[in-house]
C-alpha atoms as a PDB file:
ATOM      1  CA  UNK A   1       0.000   0.000   0.000  1.00  0.00           C
ATOM      2  CA  UNK A   2       2.804   2.413   0.844  1.00  0.00           C
ATOM      3  CA  UNK A   3       4.523   1.712  -2.464  1.00  0.00           C
ATOM      4  CA  UNK A   4       1.321   2.528  -4.343  1.00  0.00           C
ATOM      5  CA  UNK A   5       0.962   5.879  -2.564  1.00  0.00           C
ATOM      6  CA  UNK A   6       4.536   6.841  -3.421  1.00  0.00           C
ATOM      7  CA  UNK A   7       4.044   5.950  -7.071  1.00  0.00           C
ATOM      8  CA  UNK A   8       0.833   7.965  -7.352  1.00  0.00           C
ATOM      9  CA  UNK A   9       2.327  11.018  -5.707  1.00  0.00           C
ATOM     10  CA  UNK A  10       5.173  11.047  -8.230  1.00  0.00           C
ATOM     11  CA  UNK A  11       2.793  11.866 -11.112  1.00  0.00           C
ATOM     12  CA  UNK A  12       3.668  15.443 -12.179  1.00  0.00           C
ATOM     13  CA  UNK A  13       0.180  16.910 -12.026  1.00  0.00           C
ATOM     14  CA  UNK A  14      -1.792  19.028  -9.590  1.00  0.00           C
ATOM     15  CA  UNK A  15      -4.664  16.587 -10.062  1.00  0.00           C
ATOM     16  CA  UNK A  16      -2.593  13.705  -8.656  1.00  0.00           C
ATOM     17  CA  UNK A  17      -2.099  15.055  -5.159  1.00  0.00           C
ATOM     18  CA  UNK A  18      -4.480  16.199  -2.388  1.00  0.00           C
ATOM     19  CA  UNK A  19      -5.184  19.888  -1.834  1.00  0.00           C
ATOM     20  CA  UNK A  20      -3.477  21.394   1.207  1.00  0.00           C
ATOM     21  CA  UNK A  21      -5.140  23.442   3.881  1.00  0.00           C
ATOM     22  CA  UNK A  22      -4.166  27.108   4.094  1.00  0.00           C
ATOM     23  CA  UNK A  23      -3.133  29.005   7.204  1.00  0.00           C
ATOM     24  CA  UNK A  24      -4.391  32.161   5.449  1.00  0.00           C
ATOM     25  CA  UNK A  25      -8.209  31.793   5.242  1.00  0.00           C
ATOM     26  CA  UNK A  26      -8.652  34.598   2.703  1.00  0.00           C
ATOM     27  CA  UNK A  27      -6.329  32.812   0.295  1.00  0.00           C
ATOM     28  CA  UNK A  28      -7.675  29.745  -1.469  1.00  0.00           C
ATOM     29  CA  UNK A  29      -6.775  27.771  -4.558  1.00  0.00           C
ATOM     30  CA  UNK A  30      -9.836  29.240  -6.302  1.00  0.00           C
ATOM     31  CA  UNK A  31      -8.715  32.799  -5.489  1.00  0.00           C
ATOM     32  CA  UNK A  32      -5.201  32.096  -6.757  1.00  0.00           C
ATOM     33  CA  UNK A  33      -6.484  30.602 -10.005  1.00  0.00           C
ATOM     34  CA  UNK A  34      -8.918  33.465 -10.666  1.00  0.00           C
ATOM     35  CA  UNK A  35      -6.154  36.037 -10.246  1.00  0.00           C
ATOM     36  CA  UNK A  36      -3.793  33.994 -12.413  1.00  0.00           C
ATOM     37  CA  UNK A  37      -6.383  33.890 -15.210  1.00  0.00           C
ATOM     38  CA  UNK A  38      -6.824  37.663 -14.970  1.00  0.00           C
ATOM     39  CA  UNK A  39      -3.053  38.086 -15.359  1.00  0.00           C
ATOM     40  CA  UNK A  40      -2.911  35.635 -18.252  1.00  0.00           C
ATOM     41  CA  UNK A  41      -5.763  37.372 -20.080  1.00  0.00           C
ATOM     42  CA  UNK A  42      -4.206  40.797 -19.625  1.00  0.00           C
ATOM     43  CA  UNK A  43      -0.491  40.089 -20.035  1.00  0.00           C
ATOM     44  CA  UNK A  44       0.036  36.592 -21.460  1.00  0.00           C
ATOM     45  CA  UNK A  45       1.868  33.501 -20.284  1.00  0.00           C
ATOM     46  CA  UNK A  46       5.326  35.116 -20.270  1.00  0.00           C
ATOM     47  CA  UNK A  47       4.247  37.753 -17.744  1.00  0.00           C
ATOM     48  CA  UNK A  48       2.867  35.282 -15.220  1.00  0.00           C
ATOM     49  CA  UNK A  49       5.135  34.280 -12.333  1.00  0.00           C
ATOM     50  CA  UNK A  50       4.470  33.017  -8.850  1.00  0.00           C
ATOM     51  CA  UNK A  51       6.242  36.061  -7.406  1.00  0.00           C
ATOM     52  CA  UNK A  52       4.111  38.560  -9.363  1.00  0.00           C
ATOM     53  CA  UNK A  53       0.968  36.641  -8.558  1.00  0.00           C
ATOM     54  CA  UNK A  54       1.772  36.649  -4.851  1.00  0.00           C
ATOM     55  CA  UNK A  55       2.280  40.416  -4.978  1.00  0.00           C
ATOM     56  CA  UNK A  56      -1.096  40.950  -6.678  1.00  0.00           C
ATOM     57  CA  UNK A  57      -2.740  38.815  -4.001  1.00  0.00           C
ATOM     58  CA  UNK A  58      -0.903  40.657  -1.215  1.00  0.00           C
ATOM     59  CA  UNK A  59       0.438  37.346  -0.004  1.00  0.00           C
ATOM     60  CA  UNK A  60       3.783  35.687   0.492  1.00  0.00           C
ATOM     61  CA  UNK A  61       5.025  33.261  -2.128  1.00  0.00           C
ATOM     62  CA  UNK A  62       5.104  30.520   0.512  1.00  0.00           C
ATOM     63  CA  UNK A  63       1.323  30.864   0.935  1.00  0.00           C
ATOM     64  CA  UNK A  64       0.824  30.223  -2.780  1.00  0.00           C
ATOM     65  CA  UNK A  65       3.059  27.176  -2.728  1.00  0.00           C
ATOM     66  CA  UNK A  66       0.843  25.586  -0.094  1.00  0.00           C
ATOM     67  CA  UNK A  67      -1.831  25.360  -2.809  1.00  0.00           C
ATOM     68  CA  UNK A  68       0.164  25.251  -6.053  1.00  0.00           C
ATOM     69  CA  UNK A  69       3.617  23.694  -6.124  1.00  0.00           C
ATOM     70  CA  UNK A  70       4.825  25.106  -9.455  1.00  0.00           C
ATOM     71  CA  UNK A  71       3.839  27.418 -12.276  1.00  0.00           C
ATOM     72  CA  UNK A  72       3.105  24.323 -14.375  1.00  0.00           C
ATOM     73  CA  UNK A  73       0.519  23.248 -11.818  1.00  0.00           C
ATOM     74  CA  UNK A  74      -0.950  26.727 -11.851  1.00  0.00           C
ATOM     75  CA  UNK A  75      -1.328  26.522 -15.636  1.00  0.00           C
ATOM     76  CA  UNK A  76      -3.105  23.167 -15.297  1.00  0.00           C
ATOM     77  CA  UNK A  77      -5.576  24.751 -12.907  1.00  0.00           C
ATOM     78  CA  UNK A  78      -6.088  27.829 -15.101  1.00  0.00           C
ATOM     79  CA  UNK A  79      -6.693  25.731 -18.217  1.00  0.00           C
ATOM     80  CA  UNK A  80      -9.244  23.595 -16.444  1.00  0.00           C
ATOM     81  CA  UNK A  81     -11.005  26.602 -14.934  1.00  0.00           C
ATOM     82  CA  UNK A  82     -11.662  28.288 -18.297  1.00  0.00           C
ATOM     83  CA  UNK A  83     -12.659  24.927 -19.802  1.00  0.00           C
ATOM     84  CA  UNK A  84     -15.826  25.210 -17.711  1.00  0.00           C
ATOM     85  CA  UNK A  85     -16.941  27.966 -20.103  1.00  0.00           C
ATOM     86  CA  UNK A  86     -17.121  25.610 -23.106  1.00  0.00           C
ATOM     87  CA  UNK A  87     -20.676  24.492 -23.808  1.00  0.00           C
ATOM     88  CA  UNK A  88     -21.374  21.118 -25.405  1.00  0.00           C
ATOM     89  CA  UNK A  89     -24.980  20.372 -26.453  1.00  0.00           C
ATOM     90  CA  UNK A  90     -26.650  17.279 -24.993  1.00  0.00           C
ATOM     91  CA  UNK A  91     -26.006  13.873 -26.530  1.00  0.00           C
ATOM     92  CA  UNK A  92     -29.623  13.524 -27.643  1.00  0.00           C
ATOM     93  CA  UNK A  93     -29.451  16.604 -29.871  1.00  0.00           C
ATOM     94  CA  UNK A  94     -31.405  15.888 -33.073  1.00  0.00           C
ATOM     95  CA  UNK A  95     -28.534  16.910 -35.380  1.00  0.00           C
ATOM     96  CA  UNK A  96     -25.093  15.696 -34.279  1.00  0.00           C
ATOM     97  CA  UNK A  97     -23.329  17.864 -36.872  1.00  0.00           C
ATOM     98  CA  UNK A  98     -24.986  21.029 -35.633  1.00  0.00           C
ATOM     99  CA  UNK A  99     -24.242  20.033 -32.034  1.00  0.00           C
ATOM    100  CA  UNK A 100     -20.583  19.271 -32.784  1.00  0.00           C
ATOM    101  CA  UNK A 101     -20.304  22.570 -34.650  1.00  0.00           C
ATOM    102  CA  UNK A 102     -21.794  24.411 -31.688  1.00  0.00           C
ATOM    103  CA  UNK A 103     -19.267  22.778 -29.358  1.00  0.00           C
ATOM    104  CA  UNK A 104     -16.425  23.713 -31.707  1.00  0.00           C
ATOM    105  CA  UNK A 105     -17.656  27.295 -31.850  1.00  0.00           C
ATOM    106  CA  UNK A 106     -17.889  27.431 -28.060  1.00  0.00           C
ATOM    107  CA  UNK A 107     -14.304  26.196 -27.765  1.00  0.00           C
ATOM    108  CA  UNK A 108     -13.125  28.825 -30.239  1.00  0.00           C
ATOM    109  CA  UNK A 109     -14.977  31.617 -28.415  1.00  0.00           C
ATOM    110  CA  UNK A 110     -13.429  30.560 -25.109  1.00  0.00           C
ATOM    111  CA  UNK A 111      -9.968  30.402 -26.686  1.00  0.00           C
ATOM    112  CA  UNK A 112     -10.362  33.932 -28.075  1.00  0.00           C
ATOM    113  CA  UNK A 113     -11.545  35.283 -24.712  1.00  0.00           C
ATOM    114  CA  UNK A 114      -8.445  33.704 -23.183  1.00  0.00           C
ATOM    115  CA  UNK A 115      -5.805  34.064 -25.962  1.00  0.00           C
ATOM    116  CA  UNK A 116      -3.216  32.026 -24.030  1.00  0.00           C
ATOM    117  CA  UNK A 117      -5.398  28.909 -23.792  1.00  0.00           C
ATOM    118  CA  UNK A 118      -4.832  27.121 -27.111  1.00  0.00           C
ATOM    119  CA  UNK A 119      -1.093  27.688 -27.110  1.00  0.00           C
ATOM    120  CA  UNK A 120      -0.589  26.054 -23.695  1.00  0.00           C
ATOM    121  CA  UNK A 121      -2.972  23.094 -23.943  1.00  0.00           C
ATOM    122  CA  UNK A 122      -0.174  20.798 -25.043  1.00  0.00           C
ATOM    123  CA  UNK A 123       2.244  22.189 -22.471  1.00  0.00           C
ATOM    124  CA  UNK A 124       0.085  22.387 -19.355  1.00  0.00           C
ATOM    125  CA  UNK A 125       1.210  19.097 -17.843  1.00  0.00           C
ATOM    126  CA  UNK A 126      -1.606  16.621 -17.423  1.00  0.00           C
ATOM    127  CA  UNK A 127      -4.299  19.283 -17.747  1.00  0.00           C
ATOM    128  CA  UNK A 128      -6.716  16.826 -19.310  1.00  0.00           C
ATOM    129  CA  UNK A 129      -7.053  15.124 -15.908  1.00  0.00           C
ATOM    130  CA  UNK A 130      -8.859  18.223 -14.626  1.00  0.00           C
ATOM    131  CA  UNK A 131     -12.570  17.845 -13.788  1.00  0.00           C
ATOM    132  CA  UNK A 132     -13.833  20.458 -16.247  1.00  0.00           C
ATOM    133  CA  UNK A 133     -11.821  19.144 -19.181  1.00  0.00           C
ATOM    134  CA  UNK A 134     -12.830  15.607 -18.250  1.00  0.00           C
ATOM    135  CA  UNK A 135     -16.489  16.662 -18.240  1.00  0.00           C
ATOM    136  CA  UNK A 136     -16.034  18.459 -21.577  1.00  0.00           C
ATOM    137  CA  UNK A 137     -14.465  15.354 -23.137  1.00  0.00           C
ATOM    138  CA  UNK A 138     -17.190  13.139 -21.664  1.00  0.00           C
ATOM    139  CA  UNK A 139     -19.931  15.304 -23.182  1.00  0.00           C
ATOM    140  CA  UNK A 140     -18.245  15.178 -26.585  1.00  0.00           C
ATOM    141  CA  UNK A 141     -17.844  11.401 -26.274  1.00  0.00           C
ATOM    142  CA  UNK A 142     -21.536  11.025 -25.421  1.00  0.00           C
ATOM    143  CA  UNK A 143     -22.492  13.211 -28.396  1.00  0.00           C
ATOM    144  CA  UNK A 144     -20.408  11.262 -30.911  1.00  0.00           C
ATOM    145  CA  UNK A 145     -21.438   7.895 -29.445  1.00  0.00           C
ATOM    146  CA  UNK A 146     -25.112   8.827 -29.797  1.00  0.00           C
ATOM    147  CA  UNK A 147     -24.390   9.859 -33.396  1.00  0.00           C
ATOM    148  CA  UNK A 148     -23.221   6.314 -34.115  1.00  0.00           C
ATOM    149  CA  UNK A 149     -19.429   6.507 -33.976  1.00  0.00           C
ATOM    150  CA  UNK A 150     -18.044   3.234 -32.608  1.00  0.00           C
ATOM    151  CA  UNK A 151     -14.976   4.970 -31.170  1.00  0.00           C
ATOM    152  CA  UNK A 152     -15.687   8.587 -30.170  1.00  0.00           C
ATOM    153  CA  UNK A 153     -12.010   9.364 -29.539  1.00  0.00           C
ATOM    154  CA  UNK A 154     -11.423   9.564 -33.310  1.00  0.00           C
ATOM    155  CA  UNK A 155     -13.937  12.336 -34.058  1.00  0.00           C
ATOM    156  CA  UNK A 156     -13.075  14.108 -30.790  1.00  0.00           C
ATOM    157  CA  UNK A 157      -9.363  14.251 -31.673  1.00  0.00           C
ATOM    158  CA  UNK A 158     -10.133  15.317 -35.251  1.00  0.00           C
ATOM    159  CA  UNK A 159     -12.511  18.095 -34.235  1.00  0.00           C
ATOM    160  CA  UNK A 160     -10.306  19.439 -31.444  1.00  0.00           C
ATOM    161  CA  UNK A 161      -7.164  19.336 -33.591  1.00  0.00           C
ATOM    162  CA  UNK A 162      -8.858  21.638 -36.082  1.00  0.00           C
ATOM    163  CA  UNK A 163     -10.341  23.972 -33.473  1.00  0.00           C
ATOM    164  CA  UNK A 164      -7.163  24.236 -31.391  1.00  0.00           C
ATOM    165  CA  UNK A 165      -5.021  24.808 -34.485  1.00  0.00           C
ATOM    166  CA  UNK A 166      -7.269  27.550 -35.844  1.00  0.00           C
ATOM    167  CA  UNK A 167      -7.759  29.146 -32.424  1.00  0.00           C
ATOM    168  CA  UNK A 168      -4.014  29.241 -31.743  1.00  0.00           C
ATOM    169  CA  UNK A 169      -3.369  31.087 -35.007  1.00  0.00           C
ATOM    170  CA  UNK A 170      -6.321  33.414 -34.545  1.00  0.00           C
ATOM    171  CA  UNK A 171      -5.465  34.265 -30.946  1.00  0.00           C
ATOM    172  CA  UNK A 172      -1.859  35.003 -31.899  1.00  0.00           C
ATOM    173  CA  UNK A 173      -3.070  37.302 -34.680  1.00  0.00           C
ATOM    174  CA  UNK A 174      -5.426  39.172 -32.353  1.00  0.00           C
ATOM    175  CA  UNK A 175      -2.652  39.556 -29.778  1.00  0.00           C
ATOM    176  CA  UNK A 176      -0.444  41.121 -32.452  1.00  0.00           C
ATOM    177  CA  UNK A 177      -3.253  43.476 -33.445  1.00  0.00           C
ATOM    178  CA  UNK A 178      -3.889  44.453 -29.819  1.00  0.00           C
ATOM    179  CA  UNK A 179      -0.226  45.265 -29.278  1.00  0.00           C
ATOM    180  CA  UNK A 180      -0.315  47.622 -32.281  1.00  0.00           C
ATOM    181  CA  UNK A 181      -2.926  49.792 -30.588  1.00  0.00           C
ATOM    182  CA  UNK A 182      -4.947  49.868 -33.825  1.00  0.00           C
ATOM    183  CA  UNK A 183      -8.268  48.388 -34.815  1.00  0.00           C
ATOM    184  CA  UNK A 184      -8.061  45.130 -36.717  1.00  0.00           C
ATOM    185  CA  UNK A 185      -9.261  46.842 -39.909  1.00  0.00           C
ATOM    186  CA  UNK A 186      -6.655  49.606 -39.623  1.00  0.00           C
ATOM    187  CA  UNK A 187      -3.884  47.120 -38.897  1.00  0.00           C
ATOM    188  CA  UNK A 188      -4.806  45.069 -41.966  1.00  0.00           C
ATOM    189  CA  UNK A 189      -4.919  48.179 -44.134  1.00  0.00           C
ATOM    190  CA  UNK A 190      -1.421  49.140 -43.006  1.00  0.00           C
ATOM    191  CA  UNK A 191      -0.132  45.600 -43.486  1.00  0.00           C
ATOM    192  CA  UNK A 192      -1.669  44.957 -46.890  1.00  0.00           C
ATOM    193  CA  UNK A 193       0.845  46.859 -49.098  1.00  0.00           C
ATOM    194  CA  UNK A 194       3.743  44.865 -47.628  1.00  0.00           C
ATOM    195  CA  UNK A 195       1.778  41.619 -48.035  1.00  0.00           C
ATOM    196  CA  UNK A 196       0.995  42.412 -51.656  1.00  0.00           C
ATOM    197  CA  UNK A 197       4.632  43.189 -52.360  1.00  0.00           C
ATOM    198  CA  UNK A 198       5.767  39.915 -50.774  1.00  0.00           C
ATOM    199  CA  UNK A 199       3.224  37.957 -52.847  1.00  0.00           C
ATOM    200  CA  UNK A 200       3.858  39.770 -56.133  1.00  0.00           C
ATOM    201  CA  UNK A 201       6.052  36.990 -57.559  1.00  0.00           C
ATOM    202  CA  UNK A 202       3.517  34.287 -56.717  1.00  0.00           C
ATOM    203  CA  UNK A 203       0.634  34.224 -59.171  1.00  0.00           C
ATOM    204  CA  UNK A 204      -2.105  32.637 -57.086  1.00  0.00           C
ATOM    205  CA  UNK A 205      -1.172  34.401 -53.865  1.00  0.00           C
ATOM    206  CA  UNK A 206      -0.961  37.767 -55.595  1.00  0.00           C
ATOM    207  CA  UNK A 207      -4.467  37.297 -56.970  1.00  0.00           C
ATOM    208  CA  UNK A 208      -5.776  36.464 -53.505  1.00  0.00           C
ATOM    209  CA  UNK A 209      -4.202  39.551 -51.942  1.00  0.00           C
ATOM    210  CA  UNK A 210      -5.571  41.743 -54.732  1.00  0.00           C
ATOM    211  CA  UNK A 211      -9.059  40.447 -53.991  1.00  0.00           C
ATOM    212  CA  UNK A 212      -8.529  40.998 -50.273  1.00  0.00           C
ATOM    213  CA  UNK A 213      -7.475  44.600 -50.869  1.00  0.00           C
ATOM    214  CA  UNK A 214     -10.703  45.344 -52.729  1.00  0.00           C
ATOM    215  CA  UNK A 215     -12.917  43.483 -50.274  1.00  0.00           C
ATOM    216  CA  UNK A 216     -15.068  45.395 -47.814  1.00  0.00           C
ATOM    217  CA  UNK A 217     -15.690  42.411 -45.540  1.00  0.00           C
ATOM    218  CA  UNK A 218     -15.444  43.122 -41.831  1.00  0.00           C
ATOM    219  CA  UNK A 219     -12.336  41.384 -40.407  1.00  0.00           C
ATOM    220  CA  UNK A 220     -14.365  39.641 -37.717  1.00  0.00           C
ATOM    221  CA  UNK A 221     -16.842  38.330 -40.283  1.00  0.00           C
ATOM    222  CA  UNK A 222     -13.961  37.169 -42.467  1.00  0.00           C
ATOM    223  CA  UNK A 223     -12.393  35.208 -39.588  1.00  0.00           C
ATOM    224  CA  UNK A 224     -15.783  33.686 -38.783  1.00  0.00           C
ATOM    225  CA  UNK A 225     -16.188  32.666 -42.421  1.00  0.00           C
ATOM    226  CA  UNK A 226     -12.755  31.017 -42.535  1.00  0.00           C
ATOM    227  CA  UNK A 227     -13.430  29.083 -39.352  1.00  0.00           C
ATOM    228  CA  UNK A 228     -16.851  27.950 -40.581  1.00  0.00           C
ATOM    229  CA  UNK A 229     -15.394  26.758 -43.910  1.00  0.00           C
ATOM    230  CA  UNK A 230     -12.804  24.544 -42.247  1.00  0.00           C
ATOM    231  CA  UNK A 231     -15.278  23.285 -39.656  1.00  0.00           C
ATOM    232  CA  UNK A 232     -17.712  22.219 -42.380  1.00  0.00           C
ATOM    233  CA  UNK A 233     -14.890  20.368 -44.150  1.00  0.00           C
ATOM    234  CA  UNK A 234     -14.029  18.508 -40.939  1.00  0.00           C
ATOM    235  CA  UNK A 235     -17.665  17.605 -40.280  1.00  0.00           C
ATOM    236  CA  UNK A 236     -18.091  16.500 -43.907  1.00  0.00           C
ATOM    237  CA  UNK A 237     -15.177  14.114 -43.446  1.00  0.00           C
ATOM    238  CA  UNK A 238     -16.545  12.744 -40.178  1.00  0.00           C
ATOM    239  CA  UNK A 239     -19.978  12.256 -41.770  1.00  0.00           C
ATOM    240  CA  UNK A 240     -18.420  10.235 -44.594  1.00  0.00           C
ATOM    241  CA  UNK A 241     -16.666   7.958 -42.116  1.00  0.00           C
ATOM    242  CA  UNK A 242     -19.865   7.557 -40.127  1.00  0.00           C
ATOM    243  CA  UNK A 243     -21.838   6.598 -43.250  1.00  0.00           C
ATOM    244  CA  UNK A 244     -19.321   3.863 -44.045  1.00  0.00           C
END
């Protein structure tokens, strides 16, 4: 029995060890995580440190370490906390494609509200052991199982790979725009001449940039359209496999 306890405690995840009691009642794991998310949303992953977080909470670093052993553990907790915002329709939804698309859209919206999320999902330790991400995965599994997929992990991995990939790129773009201090439309307008010049020697790319220059589409609507196009392609592929 002792050997089993030692082995379990060696798993490098906040979810694999019990939560400690605090000698500072006002400070809790939930409070720490909420403040960490606020810092991440405002300043990004690079700006977050245990020392800065302790200062914002008016607490000593030792008090934080009673709840969270490392920054990696803190990221696991933050990822799981925002995962609670992702809505997945019930498994008995009449149209599994529409339901899966709604879940994908909810994931994307959450990732854009928290621009750091997609980029750290693969780095945040064993984040997928967290209760909210587990519940999210379970709801997706129930949805795809009800749709008739024999192994729901396949469509789950396919859908999330697309959404995470697109959201990572989109969030990085929006972070760049925000740092410029300009609106997205103004930033694109300033960038476009350089983009056209870079594409001038490439026939098909040059044509695409010329069309983009003359387009009056709102940047947000254009990003929505691109996401919807790829999502439909993914769902088309999953539907073909299901029909086999």
